[in-house]
């Protein structure tokens, strides 16, 4: 998408140059060469370096403005921690089953309503990242996460334009001993549900800790309480949205896995 935008801008500039002159100028040729260099940009690995034969790079441009960036998944430290030869484990040893990894993930970040967890959410728009702190609930049935947000915020604008997100949950730990180290990293895609979505109210009722916002009086009867909650749910439909995060990869790191003879880092994919 970024490449397409750059090509569009450069092509427009080229067309304007041509229409403004009766003959092809040196500037026109340079613009054409710039468009062709973008079109010919190849996939590169993240560790690639610019060599002497690389075209001149304009200020403000980065590698991923023209190139698709490919991570070398075979040699990264994370891959070694997960599956490779590492201290205490031969290659492929110490890896939980997929079902067991999910059980560990659910134990770490599971819990609905007031057992929801606070995450750091990372989004990106036009190559500009944003990190925010939000609360999400993991639905154990669908394996999706749901959050409740005021409409119109910057993170939601990011999601509308780019649904790819990254999330992180971790416990505070002793940096000297790492004995209670626990971190859950999530990659996924997000979609936003407004008040017109048929699942909006169901998700609120079944999963999200919205009740505190209704400020139900302590002396309210069960009937009065339910009526107050119903009014609140109806009232927020125009000003709040629910985010639904579908994980594409979850990596959990837990120092306590060592006690079971397993690797500290484990990964789950759908």
Protein backbone atom coordinates (compact mmCIF):
# COMPACT_ATOMS: atom_id res chain seq x y z
CA UNK A 1 0.00 0.00 0.00
CA UNK A 2 2.81 2.42 0.87
CA UNK A 3 4.56 1.62 -2.42
CA UNK A 4 1.36 2.34 -4.32
CA UNK A 5 1.03 5.74 -2.67
CA UNK A 6 4.62 6.67 -3.51
CA UNK A 7 4.20 5.53 -7.12
CA UNK A 8 0.99 7.53 -7.45
CA UNK A 9 2.66 10.70 -6.19
CA UNK A 10 5.69 10.24 -8.40
CA UNK A 11 3.59 9.41 -11.44
CA UNK A 12 1.44 12.52 -10.90
CA UNK A 13 4.56 14.62 -10.62
CA UNK A 14 5.86 13.08 -13.83
CA UNK A 15 2.60 13.78 -15.68
CA UNK A 16 2.55 17.40 -14.53
CA UNK A 17 6.12 17.84 -15.72
CA UNK A 18 5.32 16.40 -19.14
CA UNK A 19 2.16 18.45 -19.66
CA UNK A 20 3.93 21.61 -18.61
CA UNK A 21 6.67 21.30 -21.22
CA UNK A 22 6.66 20.72 -24.91
CA UNK A 23 9.70 18.47 -24.74
CA UNK A 24 11.06 15.97 -22.26
CA UNK A 25 13.36 17.72 -19.79
CA UNK A 26 16.10 16.35 -17.56
CA UNK A 27 13.72 16.69 -14.59
CA UNK A 28 11.18 14.54 -16.39
CA UNK A 29 13.75 11.83 -17.03
CA UNK A 30 14.81 11.92 -13.38
CA UNK A 31 11.20 11.59 -12.25
CA UNK A 32 10.68 8.64 -14.60
CA UNK A 33 13.79 6.94 -13.23
CA UNK A 34 12.49 7.49 -9.68
CA UNK A 35 9.18 5.80 -10.53
CA UNK A 36 11.02 2.89 -12.13
CA UNK A 37 13.29 2.47 -9.08
CA UNK A 38 10.23 2.13 -6.83
CA UNK A 39 8.65 -0.36 -9.21
CA UNK A 40 11.83 -2.45 -9.22
CA UNK A 41 12.38 -2.44 -5.45
CA UNK A 42 12.81 -6.03 -4.27
CA UNK A 43 12.05 -7.80 -1.02
CA UNK A 44 14.92 -7.43 1.44
CA UNK A 45 15.68 -8.96 4.82
CA UNK A 46 15.55 -6.77 7.92
CA UNK A 47 19.33 -6.95 8.34
CA UNK A 48 20.07 -5.74 4.78
CA UNK A 49 22.45 -2.81 4.38
CA UNK A 50 22.51 -0.15 1.66
CA UNK A 51 25.32 -0.81 -0.81
CA UNK A 52 27.15 1.59 -3.11
CA UNK A 53 24.90 0.73 -6.05
CA UNK A 54 21.67 1.73 -4.28
CA UNK A 55 19.81 4.74 -5.76
CA UNK A 56 19.97 7.97 -3.81
CA UNK A 57 17.58 7.96 -0.85
CA UNK A 58 15.58 11.11 -0.25
CA UNK A 59 15.45 12.45 3.33
CA UNK A 60 12.53 11.02 5.28
CA UNK A 61 12.28 7.74 3.35
CA UNK A 62 12.94 4.39 5.04
CA UNK A 63 13.50 0.92 3.61
CA UNK A 64 9.88 -0.17 3.96
CA UNK A 65 8.66 2.83 1.94
CA UNK A 66 9.88 1.02 -1.19
CA UNK A 67 10.77 -2.53 -0.14
CA UNK A 68 8.87 -5.37 1.44
CA UNK A 69 10.82 -6.28 4.57
CA UNK A 70 11.29 -9.97 5.32
CA UNK A 71 12.38 -11.25 8.72
CA UNK A 72 14.79 -14.16 8.79
CA UNK A 73 12.72 -16.46 11.00
CA UNK A 74 15.35 -19.17 11.00
CA UNK A 75 18.07 -17.28 12.83
CA UNK A 76 16.34 -14.88 15.19
CA UNK A 77 16.96 -15.38 18.89
CA UNK A 78 13.25 -15.93 19.48
CA UNK A 79 13.20 -18.91 17.13
CA UNK A 80 16.14 -20.42 18.98
CA UNK A 81 14.42 -19.92 22.33
CA UNK A 82 11.24 -21.52 20.97
CA UNK A 83 12.52 -24.52 19.04
CA UNK A 84 16.28 -24.55 18.47
CA UNK A 85 19.35 -25.84 20.27
CA UNK A 86 19.51 -23.86 23.49
CA UNK A 87 20.86 -24.36 27.03
CA UNK A 88 19.10 -27.34 28.59
CA UNK A 89 17.26 -28.38 25.44
CA UNK A 90 18.11 -30.07 22.17
CA UNK A 91 16.37 -28.85 19.05
CA UNK A 92 12.62 -29.46 19.29
CA UNK A 93 12.71 -30.50 22.95
CA UNK A 94 10.81 -28.78 25.77
CA UNK A 95 7.94 -27.62 23.58
CA UNK A 96 4.41 -27.90 24.96
CA UNK A 97 1.60 -29.23 22.79
CA UNK A 98 -0.60 -26.62 21.14
CA UNK A 99 -3.42 -27.39 23.59
CA UNK A 100 -1.11 -27.14 26.58
CA UNK A 101 0.27 -23.79 25.42
CA UNK A 102 -3.26 -22.44 25.14
CA UNK A 103 -4.02 -23.64 28.67
CA UNK A 104 -1.00 -21.67 29.90
CA UNK A 105 -2.08 -18.58 27.97
CA UNK A 106 -5.62 -18.75 29.29
CA UNK A 107 -4.31 -19.13 32.84
CA UNK A 108 -2.13 -16.05 32.39
CA UNK A 109 -4.59 -13.64 30.72
CA UNK A 110 -7.96 -15.36 31.06
CA UNK A 111 -10.89 -14.17 33.13
CA UNK A 112 -13.99 -12.25 32.15
CA UNK A 113 -15.71 -9.19 33.66
CA UNK A 114 -13.57 -7.82 36.52
CA UNK A 115 -10.88 -10.42 35.83
CA UNK A 116 -10.10 -8.65 32.55
CA UNK A 117 -6.45 -7.71 32.02
CA UNK A 118 -4.66 -4.49 31.11
CA UNK A 119 -2.53 -4.65 27.95
CA UNK A 120 -0.24 -2.38 26.00
CA UNK A 121 -1.69 -2.04 22.49
CA UNK A 122 0.55 -1.10 19.57
CA UNK A 123 -0.94 0.25 16.34
CA UNK A 124 0.59 1.95 13.32
CA UNK A 125 -0.62 4.43 10.72
CA UNK A 126 1.53 5.79 7.87
CA UNK A 127 4.58 4.15 9.45
CA UNK A 128 4.01 6.07 12.70
CA UNK A 129 3.52 3.72 15.69
CA UNK A 130 1.32 4.37 18.70
CA UNK A 131 1.19 2.48 22.01
CA UNK A 132 -1.69 2.81 24.44
CA UNK A 133 -2.87 1.09 27.60
CA UNK A 134 -6.28 -0.61 27.44
CA UNK A 135 -8.27 -3.36 29.11
CA UNK A 136 -9.32 -6.51 27.26
CA UNK A 137 -11.22 -9.66 28.10
CA UNK A 138 -10.25 -13.03 26.63
CA UNK A 139 -13.28 -15.02 25.50
CA UNK A 140 -12.35 -18.66 26.27
CA UNK A 141 -14.87 -19.95 23.71
CA UNK A 142 -13.81 -17.94 20.66
CA UNK A 143 -10.18 -17.32 21.71
CA UNK A 144 -10.70 -13.64 20.84
CA UNK A 145 -10.15 -10.56 23.00
CA UNK A 146 -12.70 -7.81 23.52
CA UNK A 147 -12.20 -4.24 24.69
CA UNK A 148 -14.55 -1.34 25.42
CA UNK A 149 -13.48 2.09 24.18
CA UNK A 150 -14.72 5.63 23.78
CA UNK A 151 -15.29 6.32 20.07
CA UNK A 152 -13.07 8.68 18.10
CA UNK A 153 -9.74 8.08 19.87
CA UNK A 154 -6.45 7.94 17.98
CA UNK A 155 -5.91 4.21 18.46
CA UNK A 156 -9.30 3.49 16.90
CA UNK A 157 -8.49 5.69 13.91
CA UNK A 158 -5.33 3.61 13.48
CA UNK A 159 -7.30 0.37 13.62
CA UNK A 160 -9.83 1.61 11.07
CA UNK A 161 -7.01 2.26 8.60
CA UNK A 162 -4.69 -0.61 9.60
CA UNK A 163 -6.20 -3.55 11.50
CA UNK A 164 -2.86 -5.21 12.25
CA UNK A 165 -2.08 -4.84 15.95
CA UNK A 166 0.33 -6.08 18.59
CA UNK A 167 -0.47 -6.42 22.30
CA UNK A 168 1.56 -7.19 25.39
CA UNK A 169 0.70 -8.23 28.93
CA UNK A 170 3.27 -8.75 31.65
CA UNK A 171 3.56 -9.04 35.39
CA UNK A 172 5.99 -6.97 37.35
CA UNK A 173 9.06 -9.08 38.15
CA UNK A 174 12.40 -8.98 39.89
CA UNK A 175 14.94 -7.97 37.26
CA UNK A 176 17.77 -9.57 39.24
CA UNK A 177 16.31 -13.07 39.64
CA UNK A 178 13.60 -13.18 36.92
CA UNK A 179 11.90 -15.79 39.10
CA UNK A 180 8.38 -14.46 38.42
CA UNK A 181 8.93 -13.47 34.80
CA UNK A 182 5.64 -13.69 32.86
CA UNK A 183 4.94 -11.99 29.55
CA UNK A 184 2.32 -12.61 26.88
CA UNK A 185 2.83 -11.08 23.42
CA UNK A 186 -0.05 -11.14 20.93
CA UNK A 187 -0.12 -10.42 17.24
CA UNK A 188 -3.50 -10.19 15.58
CA UNK A 189 -6.07 -8.33 13.56
CA UNK A 190 -8.70 -6.02 15.00
CA UNK A 191 -12.19 -5.01 14.00
CA UNK A 192 -14.48 -2.48 15.60
CA UNK A 193 -18.10 -3.16 16.55
CA UNK A 194 -20.41 -0.19 16.91
CA UNK A 195 -23.72 -0.07 18.77
CA UNK A 196 -25.60 -1.31 15.70
CA UNK A 197 -23.75 -4.60 15.66
CA UNK A 198 -26.01 -7.45 16.89
CA UNK A 199 -23.18 -8.78 19.08
CA UNK A 200 -22.48 -5.45 20.81
CA UNK A 201 -24.86 -5.86 23.73
CA UNK A 202 -24.23 -9.59 24.11
CA UNK A 203 -20.49 -9.03 24.48
CA UNK A 204 -21.09 -6.33 27.07
CA UNK A 205 -23.39 -8.56 29.11
CA UNK A 206 -21.36 -11.76 28.92
CA UNK A 207 -17.76 -10.55 28.95
CA UNK A 208 -17.03 -6.90 29.69
CA UNK A 209 -16.91 -5.18 33.11
CA UNK A 210 -19.22 -2.36 32.11
CA UNK A 211 -21.44 -2.45 35.21
CA UNK A 212 -19.39 0.04 37.22
CA UNK A 213 -20.26 2.71 34.65
CA UNK A 214 -23.97 2.31 35.29
CA UNK A 215 -23.51 3.41 38.94
CA UNK A 216 -26.34 1.27 40.22
CA UNK A 217 -27.37 2.42 43.75
CA UNK A 218 -26.48 -0.08 46.47
CA UNK A 219 -30.09 -0.16 47.69
CA UNK A 220 -31.54 -0.95 44.23
CA UNK A 221 -33.74 -4.02 43.89
CA UNK A 222 -32.77 -6.70 41.33
CA UNK A 223 -35.39 -5.31 38.98
CA UNK A 224 -34.16 -1.74 39.42
CA UNK A 225 -30.58 -2.86 38.93
CA UNK A 226 -31.39 -4.63 35.66
CA UNK A 227 -33.33 -1.64 34.38
CA UNK A 228 -30.42 0.69 35.22
CA UNK A 229 -27.96 -1.61 33.44
CA UNK A 230 -30.23 -1.85 30.40
CA UNK A 231 -30.50 1.93 30.18
CA UNK A 232 -26.73 2.27 30.45
CA UNK A 233 -26.10 -0.28 27.68
CA UNK A 234 -28.49 1.56 25.41
CA UNK A 235 -26.99 4.94 26.25
CA UNK A 236 -23.38 4.01 25.34
CA UNK A 237 -24.15 2.55 21.92
CA UNK A 238 -23.62 5.90 20.17
CA UNK A 239 -20.44 6.91 21.98
CA UNK A 240 -18.53 3.66 22.62
CA UNK A 241 -17.22 0.88 20.42
CA UNK A 242 -16.03 -2.64 21.14
CA UNK A 243 -12.76 -3.89 19.69
CA UNK A 244 -12.47 -7.54 18.72
CA UNK A 245 -8.90 -8.86 18.48
CA UNK A 246 -8.37 -12.12 16.61
CA UNK A 247 -4.91 -13.47 17.53
CA UNK A 248 -2.73 -14.77 14.72
CA UNK A 249 0.15 -15.61 17.05
CA UNK A 250 0.64 -15.62 20.82
CA UNK A 251 4.01 -16.01 22.48
CA UNK A 252 4.14 -16.61 26.22
CA UNK A 253 7.28 -16.47 28.34
CA UNK A 254 7.08 -17.84 31.86
CA UNK A 255 10.05 -18.64 34.07
CA UNK A 256 7.98 -21.24 35.91
CA UNK A 257 7.90 -23.44 32.79
CA UNK A 258 11.44 -24.53 33.72
CA UNK A 259 10.07 -26.36 36.76
CA UNK A 260 8.23 -28.67 34.35
CA UNK A 261 11.36 -29.21 32.27
CA UNK A 262 10.01 -27.06 29.46
CA UNK A 263 11.25 -24.02 27.58
CA UNK A 264 10.57 -20.59 29.03
CA UNK A 265 9.24 -19.39 25.65
CA UNK A 266 6.24 -21.12 24.08
CA UNK A 267 4.14 -20.13 21.06
CA UNK A 268 0.53 -20.71 19.99
CA UNK A 269 -0.98 -20.16 16.56
CA UNK A 270 -4.58 -20.82 15.45
